Amino acid sequence: MFSIGDFARHGRVSVRMLRHYDAIGLLRPDRVDAVTGYRYYEGGQLARLNRIVALKDLGFTPSNTPRTPPAGSPNSRTHPHLTAAVRPRG
């Protein structure tokens, strides 16, 4: 379990960006402490963050970045929007 600061460093994004992704529902923390409000992320969420950053680099904005299903859900491996986004043109 990583604090928001540690997770931000590993993902090479700002804490502010992680808070924004949480606010818009793009990447929710795994756990939020009920007393302090501190956000905590699991190591597995780093792959999801990397996908978001990669899509951002391809020109997607947070508002049009496909929402990926939670890890372990039936569609977590191949999300149709992500597949369409990287499908070769031809």
PDB file of N, CA and C in Angstrom:
ATOM      1  N   MET A   1       0.859  -1.166   0.000  1.00  0.00           N
ATOM      2  CA  MET A   1       0.000   0.000   0.000  1.00  0.00           C
ATOM      3  C   MET A   1       0.914   1.242   0.000  1.00  0.00           C
ATOM      4  N   PHE A   2       0.616   2.152  -0.912  1.00  0.00           N
ATOM      5  CA  PHE A   2       1.413   3.372  -1.046  1.00  0.00           C
ATOM      6  C   PHE A   2       0.595   4.589  -0.639  1.00  0.00           C
ATOM      7  N   SER A   3       1.231   5.521   0.028  1.00  0.00           N
ATOM      8  CA  SER A   3       0.589   6.806   0.283  1.00  0.00           C
ATOM      9  C   SER A   3       0.470   7.528  -1.064  1.00  0.00           C
ATOM     10  N   ILE A   4      -0.333   8.543  -1.119  1.00  0.00           N
ATOM     11  CA  ILE A   4      -0.521   9.267  -2.375  1.00  0.00           C
ATOM     12  C   ILE A   4       0.799   9.861  -2.870  1.00  0.00           C
ATOM     13  N   GLY A   5       1.628  10.344  -1.965  1.00  0.00           N
ATOM     14  CA  GLY A   5       2.916  10.922  -2.357  1.00  0.00           C
ATOM     15  C   GLY A   5       3.847   9.884  -2.961  1.00  0.00           C
ATOM     16  N   ASP A   6       3.936   8.712  -2.326  1.00  0.00           N
ATOM     17  CA  ASP A   6       4.788   7.643  -2.851  1.00  0.00           C
ATOM     18  C   ASP A   6       4.269   7.149  -4.195  1.00  0.00           C
ATOM     19  N   PHE A   7       2.954   6.983  -4.283  1.00  0.00           N
ATOM     20  CA  PHE A   7       2.358   6.508  -5.527  1.00  0.00           C
ATOM     21  C   PHE A   7       2.593   7.517  -6.651  1.00  0.00           C
ATOM     22  N   ALA A   8       2.470   8.798  -6.352  1.00  0.00           N
ATOM     23  CA  ALA A   8       2.719   9.843  -7.344  1.00  0.00           C
ATOM     24  C   ALA A   8       4.169   9.776  -7.836  1.00  0.00           C
ATOM     25  N   ARG A   9       5.107   9.589  -6.927  1.00  0.00           N
ATOM     26  CA  ARG A   9       6.519   9.503  -7.324  1.00  0.00           C
ATOM     27  C   ARG A   9       6.756   8.298  -8.230  1.00  0.00           C
ATOM     28  N   HIS A  10       6.199   7.142  -7.868  1.00  0.00           N
ATOM     29  CA  HIS A  10       6.373   5.934  -8.682  1.00  0.00           C
ATOM     30  C   HIS A  10       5.725   6.088 -10.057  1.00  0.00           C
ATOM     31  N   GLY A  11       4.606   6.787 -10.113  1.00  0.00           N
ATOM     32  CA  GLY A  11       3.905   6.979 -11.373  1.00  0.00           C
ATOM     33  C   GLY A  11       4.360   8.188 -12.162  1.00  0.00           C
ATOM     34  N   ARG A  12       5.268   8.975 -11.577  1.00  0.00           N
ATOM     35  CA  ARG A  12       5.801  10.185 -12.207  1.00  0.00           C
ATOM     36  C   ARG A  12       4.716  11.185 -12.589  1.00  0.00           C
ATOM     37  N   VAL A  13       3.763  11.350 -11.646  1.00  0.00           N
ATOM     38  CA  VAL A  13       2.722  12.372 -11.774  1.00  0.00           C
ATOM     39  C   VAL A  13       2.700  13.151 -10.465  1.00  0.00           C
ATOM     40  N   SER A  14       1.975  14.246 -10.445  1.00  0.00           N
ATOM     41  CA  SER A  14       1.885  15.040  -9.226  1.00  0.00           C
ATOM     42  C   SER A  14       0.759  14.516  -8.330  1.00  0.00           C
ATOM     43  N   VAL A  15       0.882  14.813  -7.058  1.00  0.00           N
ATOM     44  CA  VAL A  15      -0.174  14.484  -6.105  1.00  0.00           C
ATOM     45  C   VAL A  15      -1.455  15.199  -6.524  1.00  0.00           C
ATOM     46  N   ARG A  16      -1.303  16.421  -6.988  1.00  0.00           N
ATOM     47  CA  ARG A  16      -2.468  17.191  -7.439  1.00  0.00           C
ATOM     48  C   ARG A  16      -3.193  16.469  -8.580  1.00  0.00           C
ATOM     49  N   MET A  17      -2.439  15.874  -9.501  1.00  0.00           N
ATOM     50  CA  MET A  17      -3.050  15.155 -10.619  1.00  0.00           C
ATOM     51  C   MET A  17      -3.790  13.913 -10.109  1.00  0.00           C
ATOM     52  N   LEU A  18      -3.230  13.201  -9.147  1.00  0.00           N
ATOM     53  CA  LEU A  18      -3.922  12.042  -8.581  1.00  0.00           C
ATOM     54  C   LEU A  18      -5.217  12.464  -7.901  1.00  0.00           C
ATOM     55  N   ARG A  19      -5.189  13.574  -7.203  1.00  0.00           N
ATOM     56  CA  ARG A  19      -6.416  14.074  -6.570  1.00  0.00           C
ATOM     57  C   ARG A  19      -7.454  14.435  -7.631  1.00  0.00           C
ATOM     58  N   HIS A  20      -7.002  15.016  -8.731  1.00  0.00           N
ATOM     59  CA  HIS A  20      -7.908  15.359  -9.831  1.00  0.00           C
ATOM     60  C   HIS A  20      -8.503  14.088 -10.442  1.00  0.00           C
ATOM     61  N   TYR A  21      -7.676  13.076 -10.702  1.00  0.00           N
ATOM     62  CA  TYR A  21      -8.169  11.811 -11.257  1.00  0.00           C
ATOM     63  C   TYR A  21      -9.184  11.162 -10.326  1.00  0.00           C
ATOM     64  N   ASP A  22      -8.976  11.293  -9.027  1.00  0.00           N
ATOM     65  CA  ASP A  22      -9.948  10.777  -8.058  1.00  0.00           C
ATOM     66  C   ASP A  22     -11.247  11.567  -8.150  1.00  0.00           C
ATOM     67  N   ALA A  23     -11.150  12.877  -8.220  1.00  0.00           N
ATOM     68  CA  ALA A  23     -12.340  13.733  -8.240  1.00  0.00           C
ATOM     69  C   ALA A  23     -13.218  13.479  -9.466  1.00  0.00           C
ATOM     70  N   ILE A  24     -12.600  13.168 -10.602  1.00  0.00           N
ATOM     71  CA  ILE A  24     -13.382  12.932 -11.821  1.00  0.00           C
ATOM     72  C   ILE A  24     -13.689  11.449 -12.039  1.00  0.00           C
ATOM     73  N   GLY A  25     -13.239  10.599 -11.130  1.00  0.00           N
ATOM     74  CA  GLY A  25     -13.554   9.175 -11.211  1.00  0.00           C
ATOM     75  C   GLY A  25     -12.676   8.379 -12.151  1.00  0.00           C
ATOM     76  N   LEU A  26     -11.561   8.935 -12.563  1.00  0.00           N
ATOM     77  CA  LEU A  26     -10.675   8.253 -13.492  1.00  0.00           C
ATOM     78  C   LEU A  26      -9.795   7.218 -12.791  1.00  0.00           C
ATOM     79  N   LEU A  27      -9.295   7.548 -11.614  1.00  0.00           N
ATOM     80  CA  LEU A  27      -8.477   6.624 -10.836  1.00  0.00           C
ATOM     81  C   LEU A  27      -8.745   6.880  -9.361  1.00  0.00           C
ATOM     82  N   ARG A  28      -9.494   6.011  -8.759  1.00  0.00           N
ATOM     83  CA  ARG A  28      -9.843   6.145  -7.346  1.00  0.00           C
ATOM     84  C   ARG A  28      -8.788   5.453  -6.488  1.00  0.00           C
ATOM     85  N   PRO A  29      -8.476   6.006  -5.321  1.00  0.00           N
ATOM     86  CA  PRO A  29      -7.557   5.318  -4.422  1.00  0.00           C
ATOM     87  C   PRO A  29      -8.177   4.010  -3.941  1.00  0.00           C
ATOM     88  N   ASP A  30      -7.332   3.076  -3.584  1.00  0.00           N
ATOM     89  CA  ASP A  30      -7.818   1.793  -3.075  1.00  0.00           C
ATOM     90  C   ASP A  30      -8.489   1.970  -1.722  1.00  0.00           C
ATOM     91  N   ARG A  31      -7.939   2.894  -0.940  1.00  0.00           N
ATOM     92  CA  ARG A  31      -8.481   3.121   0.407  1.00  0.00           C
ATOM     93  C   ARG A  31      -8.290   4.588   0.769  1.00  0.00           C
ATOM     94  N   VAL A  32      -9.274   5.128   1.472  1.00  0.00           N
ATOM     95  CA  VAL A  32      -9.179   6.481   2.020  1.00  0.00           C
ATOM     96  C   VAL A  32      -9.409   6.365   3.517  1.00  0.00           C
ATOM     97  N   ASP A  33      -8.459   6.842   4.304  1.00  0.00           N
ATOM     98  CA  ASP A  33      -8.585   6.793   5.759  1.00  0.00           C
ATOM     99  C   ASP A  33      -9.757   7.653   6.201  1.00  0.00           C
ATOM    100  N   ALA A  34     -10.667   7.068   6.947  1.00  0.00           N
ATOM    101  CA  ALA A  34     -11.881   7.773   7.366  1.00  0.00           C
ATOM    102  C   ALA A  34     -11.595   8.932   8.315  1.00  0.00           C
ATOM    103  N   VAL A  35     -10.523   8.835   9.076  1.00  0.00           N
ATOM    104  CA  VAL A  35     -10.203   9.883  10.049  1.00  0.00           C
ATOM    105  C   VAL A  35      -9.397  11.014   9.419  1.00  0.00           C
ATOM    106  N   THR A  36      -8.347  10.649   8.692  1.00  0.00           N
ATOM    107  CA  THR A  36      -7.436  11.674   8.163  1.00  0.00           C
ATOM    108  C   THR A  36      -7.760  12.088   6.728  1.00  0.00           C
ATOM    109  N   GLY A  37      -8.482  11.239   5.982  1.00  0.00           N
ATOM    110  CA  GLY A  37      -8.757  11.530   4.578  1.00  0.00           C
ATOM    111  C   GLY A  37      -7.585  11.197   3.664  1.00  0.00           C
ATOM    112  N   TYR A  38      -6.509  10.616   4.215  1.00  0.00           N
ATOM    113  CA  TYR A  38      -5.348  10.258   3.392  1.00  0.00           C
ATOM    114  C   TYR A  38      -5.752   9.186   2.396  1.00  0.00           C
ATOM    115  N   ARG A  39      -5.230   9.313   1.187  1.00  0.00           N
ATOM    116  CA  ARG A  39      -5.509   8.348   0.126  1.00  0.00           C
ATOM    117  C   ARG A  39      -4.360   7.343   0.048  1.00  0.00           C
ATOM    118  N   TYR A  40      -4.723   6.088  -0.196  1.00  0.00           N
ATOM    119  CA  TYR A  40      -3.736   5.016  -0.331  1.00  0.00           C
ATOM    120  C   TYR A  40      -4.031   4.222  -1.596  1.00  0.00           C
ATOM    121  N   TYR A  41      -2.969   3.838  -2.286  1.00  0.00           N
ATOM    122  CA  TYR A  41      -3.078   3.118  -3.556  1.00  0.00           C
ATOM    123  C   TYR A  41      -2.349   1.789  -3.455  1.00  0.00           C
ATOM    124  N   GLU A  42      -2.848   0.798  -4.184  1.00  0.00           N
ATOM    125  CA  GLU A  42      -2.206  -0.511  -4.289  1.00  0.00           C
ATOM    126  C   GLU A  42      -1.200  -0.473  -5.437  1.00  0.00           C
ATOM    127  N   GLY A  43      -0.194  -1.309  -5.346  1.00  0.00           N
ATOM    128  CA  GLY A  43       0.815  -1.372  -6.398  1.00  0.00           C
ATOM    129  C   GLY A  43       0.225  -1.704  -7.755  1.00  0.00           C
ATOM    130  N   GLY A  44      -0.823  -2.533  -7.786  1.00  0.00           N
ATOM    131  CA  GLY A  44      -1.459  -2.907  -9.040  1.00  0.00           C
ATOM    132  C   GLY A  44      -2.105  -1.745  -9.762  1.00  0.00           C
ATOM    133  N   GLN A  45      -2.410  -0.683  -9.049  1.00  0.00           N
ATOM    134  CA  GLN A  45      -3.025   0.481  -9.682  1.00  0.00           C
ATOM    135  C   GLN A  45      -2.029   1.280 -10.507  1.00  0.00           C
ATOM    136  N   LEU A  46      -0.746   0.981 -10.338  1.00  0.00           N
ATOM    137  CA  LEU A  46       0.274   1.690 -11.101  1.00  0.00           C
ATOM    138  C   LEU A  46       0.137   1.407 -12.598  1.00  0.00           C
ATOM    139  N   ALA A  47      -0.222   0.182 -12.964  1.00  0.00           N
ATOM    140  CA  ALA A  47      -0.416  -0.150 -14.379  1.00  0.00           C
ATOM    141  C   ALA A  47      -1.559   0.687 -14.960  1.00  0.00           C
ATOM    142  N   ARG A  48      -2.609   0.849 -14.189  1.00  0.00           N
ATOM    143  CA  ARG A  48      -3.746   1.659 -14.637  1.00  0.00           C
ATOM    144  C   ARG A  48      -3.331   3.120 -14.800  1.00  0.00           C
ATOM    145  N   LEU A  49      -2.556   3.641 -13.845  1.00  0.00           N
ATOM    146  CA  LEU A  49      -2.055   5.013 -13.953  1.00  0.00           C
ATOM    147  C   LEU A  49      -1.176   5.164 -15.189  1.00  0.00           C
ATOM    148  N   ASN A  50      -0.335   4.167 -15.447  1.00  0.00           N
ATOM    149  CA  ASN A  50       0.533   4.232 -16.629  1.00  0.00           C
ATOM    150  C   ASN A  50      -0.288   4.267 -17.916  1.00  0.00           C
ATOM    151  N   ARG A  51      -1.417   3.532 -17.955  1.00  0.00           N
ATOM    152  CA  ARG A  51      -2.299   3.566 -19.122  1.00  0.00           C
ATOM    153  C   ARG A  51      -2.897   4.957 -19.301  1.00  0.00           C
ATOM    154  N   ILE A  52      -3.316   5.557 -18.197  1.00  0.00           N
ATOM    155  CA  ILE A  52      -3.899   6.902 -18.250  1.00  0.00           C
ATOM    156  C   ILE A  52      -2.875   7.899 -18.776  1.00  0.00           C
ATOM    157  N   VAL A  53      -1.647   7.813 -18.273  1.00  0.00           N
ATOM    158  CA  VAL A  53      -0.580   8.716 -18.713  1.00  0.00           C
ATOM    159  C   VAL A  53      -0.270   8.488 -20.193  1.00  0.00           C
ATOM    160  N   ALA A  54      -0.244   7.213 -20.629  1.00  0.00           N
ATOM    161  CA  ALA A  54       0.026   6.908 -22.033  1.00  0.00           C
ATOM    162  C   ALA A  54      -1.072   7.484 -22.936  1.00  0.00           C
ATOM    163  N   LEU A  55      -2.325   7.340 -22.518  1.00  0.00           N
ATOM    164  CA  LEU A  55      -3.428   7.897 -23.303  1.00  0.00           C
ATOM    165  C   LEU A  55      -3.353   9.421 -23.342  1.00  0.00           C
ATOM    166  N   LYS A  56      -2.937  10.018 -22.221  1.00  0.00           N
ATOM    167  CA  LYS A  56      -2.765  11.474 -22.183  1.00  0.00           C
ATOM    168  C   LYS A  56      -1.695  11.896 -23.194  1.00  0.00           C
ATOM    169  N   ASP A  57      -0.607  11.115 -23.261  1.00  0.00           N
ATOM    170  CA  ASP A  57       0.461  11.406 -24.213  1.00  0.00           C
ATOM    171  C   ASP A  57       0.003  11.250 -25.668  1.00  0.00           C
ATOM    172  N   LEU A  58      -1.033  10.425 -25.882  1.00  0.00           N
ATOM    173  CA  LEU A  58      -1.593  10.236 -27.226  1.00  0.00           C
ATOM    174  C   LEU A  58      -2.601  11.313 -27.588  1.00  0.00           C
ATOM    175  N   GLY A  59      -2.867  12.222 -26.658  1.00  0.00           N
ATOM    176  CA  GLY A  59      -3.757  13.329 -26.948  1.00  0.00           C
ATOM    177  C   GLY A  59      -5.122  13.258 -26.289  1.00  0.00           C
ATOM    178  N   PHE A  60      -5.379  12.190 -25.524  1.00  0.00           N
ATOM    179  CA  PHE A  60      -6.646  12.123 -24.803  1.00  0.00           C
ATOM    180  C   PHE A  60      -6.614  13.117 -23.643  1.00  0.00           C
ATOM    181  N   THR A  61      -7.744  13.726 -23.348  1.00  0.00           N
ATOM    182  CA  THR A  61      -7.857  14.565 -22.163  1.00  0.00           C
ATOM    183  C   THR A  61      -8.543  13.741 -21.082  1.00  0.00           C
ATOM    184  N   PRO A  62      -8.442  14.149 -19.811  1.00  0.00           N
ATOM    185  CA  PRO A  62      -9.125  13.377 -18.764  1.00  0.00           C
ATOM    186  C   PRO A  62     -10.616  13.203 -19.028  1.00  0.00           C
ATOM    187  N   SER A  63     -11.244  14.186 -19.652  1.00  0.00           N
ATOM    188  CA  SER A  63     -12.685  14.073 -19.892  1.00  0.00           C
ATOM    189  C   SER A  63     -13.018  13.075 -20.997  1.00  0.00           C
ATOM    190  N   ASN A  64     -12.081  12.816 -21.921  1.00  0.00           N
ATOM    191  CA  ASN A  64     -12.376  11.829 -22.960  1.00  0.00           C
ATOM    192  C   ASN A  64     -11.520  10.574 -22.847  1.00  0.00           C
ATOM    193  N   THR A  65     -10.787  10.425 -21.756  1.00  0.00           N
ATOM    194  CA  THR A  65     -10.037   9.206 -21.510  1.00  0.00           C
ATOM    195  C   THR A  65     -11.010   8.124 -21.074  1.00  0.00           C
ATOM    196  N   PRO A  66     -10.983   6.971 -21.720  1.00  0.00           N
ATOM    197  CA  PRO A  66     -11.904   5.899 -21.342  1.00  0.00           C
ATOM    198  C   PRO A  66     -11.723   5.498 -19.885  1.00  0.00           C
ATOM    199  N   ARG A  67     -12.841   5.332 -19.204  1.00  0.00           N
ATOM    200  CA  ARG A  67     -12.800   4.862 -17.818  1.00  0.00           C
ATOM    201  C   ARG A  67     -12.534   3.375 -17.860  1.00  0.00           C
ATOM    202  N   THR A  68     -11.466   2.941 -17.226  1.00  0.00           N
ATOM    203  CA  THR A  68     -11.154   1.521 -17.227  1.00  0.00           C
ATOM    204  C   THR A  68     -11.853   0.853 -16.054  1.00  0.00           C
ATOM    205  N   PRO A  69     -12.326  -0.365 -16.248  1.00  0.00           N
ATOM    206  CA  PRO A  69     -13.000  -1.062 -15.157  1.00  0.00           C
ATOM    207  C   PRO A  69     -12.012  -1.426 -14.063  1.00  0.00           C
ATOM    208  N   PRO A  70     -12.492  -1.652 -12.838  1.00  0.00           N
ATOM    209  CA  PRO A  70     -11.597  -2.034 -11.749  1.00  0.00           C
ATOM    210  C   PRO A  70     -10.873  -3.336 -12.055  1.00  0.00           C
ATOM    211  N   ALA A  71      -9.670  -3.473 -11.531  1.00  0.00           N
ATOM    212  CA  ALA A  71      -8.902  -4.707 -11.708  1.00  0.00           C
ATOM    213  C   ALA A  71      -9.719  -5.884 -11.202  1.00  0.00           C
ATOM    214  N   GLY A  72      -9.677  -6.974 -11.953  1.00  0.00           N
ATOM    215  CA  GLY A  72     -10.390  -8.172 -11.544  1.00  0.00           C
ATOM    216  C   GLY A  72     -11.804  -8.258 -12.091  1.00  0.00           C
ATOM    217  N   SER A  73     -12.326  -7.172 -12.656  1.00  0.00           N
ATOM    218  CA  SER A  73     -13.668  -7.244 -13.232  1.00  0.00           C
ATOM    219  C   SER A  73     -13.566  -7.975 -14.573  1.00  0.00           C
ATOM    220  N   PRO A  74     -14.672  -8.515 -15.081  1.00  0.00           N
ATOM    221  CA  PRO A  74     -14.609  -9.298 -16.312  1.00  0.00           C
ATOM    222  C   PRO A  74     -14.002  -8.561 -17.492  1.00  0.00           C
ATOM    223  N   ASN A  75     -14.153  -7.250 -17.567  1.00  0.00           N
ATOM    224  CA  ASN A  75     -13.637  -6.484 -18.702  1.00  0.00           C
ATOM    225  C   ASN A  75     -12.336  -5.759 -18.415  1.00  0.00           C
ATOM    226  N   SER A  76     -11.640  -6.129 -17.347  1.00  0.00           N
ATOM    227  CA  SER A  76     -10.443  -5.374 -16.974  1.00  0.00           C
ATOM    228  C   SER A  76      -9.272  -5.624 -17.909  1.00  0.00           C
ATOM    229  N   ARG A  77      -9.276  -6.732 -18.624  1.00  0.00           N
ATOM    230  CA  ARG A  77      -8.157  -7.017 -19.517  1.00  0.00           C
ATOM    231  C   ARG A  77      -8.272  -6.250 -20.835  1.00  0.00           C
ATOM    232  N   THR A  78      -9.393  -6.327 -21.493  1.00  0.00           N
ATOM    233  CA  THR A  78      -9.562  -5.670 -22.778  1.00  0.00           C
ATOM    234  C   THR A  78     -10.775  -4.767 -22.725  1.00  0.00           C
ATOM    235  N   HIS A  79     -10.533  -3.514 -22.610  1.00  0.00           N
ATOM    236  CA  HIS A  79     -11.606  -2.524 -22.569  1.00  0.00           C
ATOM    237  C   HIS A  79     -11.824  -2.046 -23.997  1.00  0.00           C
ATOM    238  N   PRO A  80     -13.072  -2.065 -24.502  1.00  0.00           N
ATOM    239  CA  PRO A  80     -13.302  -1.715 -25.907  1.00  0.00           C
ATOM    240  C   PRO A  80     -12.765  -0.350 -26.319  1.00  0.00           C
ATOM    241  N   HIS A  81     -12.860   0.646 -25.463  1.00  0.00           N
ATOM    242  CA  HIS A  81     -12.347   1.974 -25.823  1.00  0.00           C
ATOM    243  C   HIS A  81     -10.832   1.963 -25.942  1.00  0.00           C
ATOM    244  N   LEU A  82     -10.183   1.218 -25.045  1.00  0.00           N
ATOM    245  CA  LEU A  82      -8.725   1.160 -25.107  1.00  0.00           C
ATOM    246  C   LEU A  82      -8.288   0.399 -26.355  1.00  0.00           C
ATOM    247  N   THR A  83      -9.001  -0.673 -26.692  1.00  0.00           N
ATOM    248  CA  THR A  83      -8.674  -1.441 -27.885  1.00  0.00           C
ATOM    249  C   THR A  83      -8.831  -0.557 -29.121  1.00  0.00           C
ATOM    250  N   ALA A  84      -9.924   0.198 -29.200  1.00  0.00           N
ATOM    251  CA  ALA A  84     -10.159   1.072 -30.350  1.00  0.00           C
ATOM    252  C   ALA A  84      -9.107   2.172 -30.422  1.00  0.00           C
ATOM    253  N   ALA A  85      -8.660   2.649 -29.269  1.00  0.00           N
ATOM    254  CA  ALA A  85      -7.702   3.748 -29.247  1.00  0.00           C
ATOM    255  C   ALA A  85      -6.350   3.348 -29.803  1.00  0.00           C
ATOM    256  N   VAL A  86      -5.996   2.076 -29.697  1.00  0.00           N
ATOM    257  CA  VAL A  86      -4.669   1.640 -30.142  1.00  0.00           C
ATOM    258  C   VAL A  86      -4.741   0.745 -31.371  1.00  0.00           C
ATOM    259  N   ARG A  87      -5.941   0.583 -31.952  1.00  0.00           N
ATOM    260  CA  ARG A  87      -6.102  -0.254 -33.146  1.00  0.00           C
ATOM    261  C   ARG A  87      -5.374   0.396 -34.313  1.00  0.00           C
ATOM    262  N   PRO A  88      -4.565  -0.397 -35.051  1.00  0.00           N
ATOM    263  CA  PRO A  88      -3.868   0.173 -36.189  1.00  0.00           C
ATOM    264  C   PRO A  88      -4.835   0.616 -37.277  1.00  0.00           C
ATOM    265  N   ARG A  89      -4.506   1.689 -37.933  1.00  0.00           N
ATOM    266  CA  ARG A  89      -5.327   2.181 -39.040  1.00  0.00           C
ATOM    267  C   ARG A  89      -4.910   1.453 -40.310  1.00  0.00           C
ATOM    268  N   GLY A  90      -5.892   1.167 -41.164  1.00  0.00           N
ATOM    269  CA  GLY A  90      -5.482   0.492 -42.383  1.00  0.00           C
ATOM    270  C   GLY A  90      -6.536   0.232 -43.346  1.00  0.00           C
TER     271      GLY A  90
END
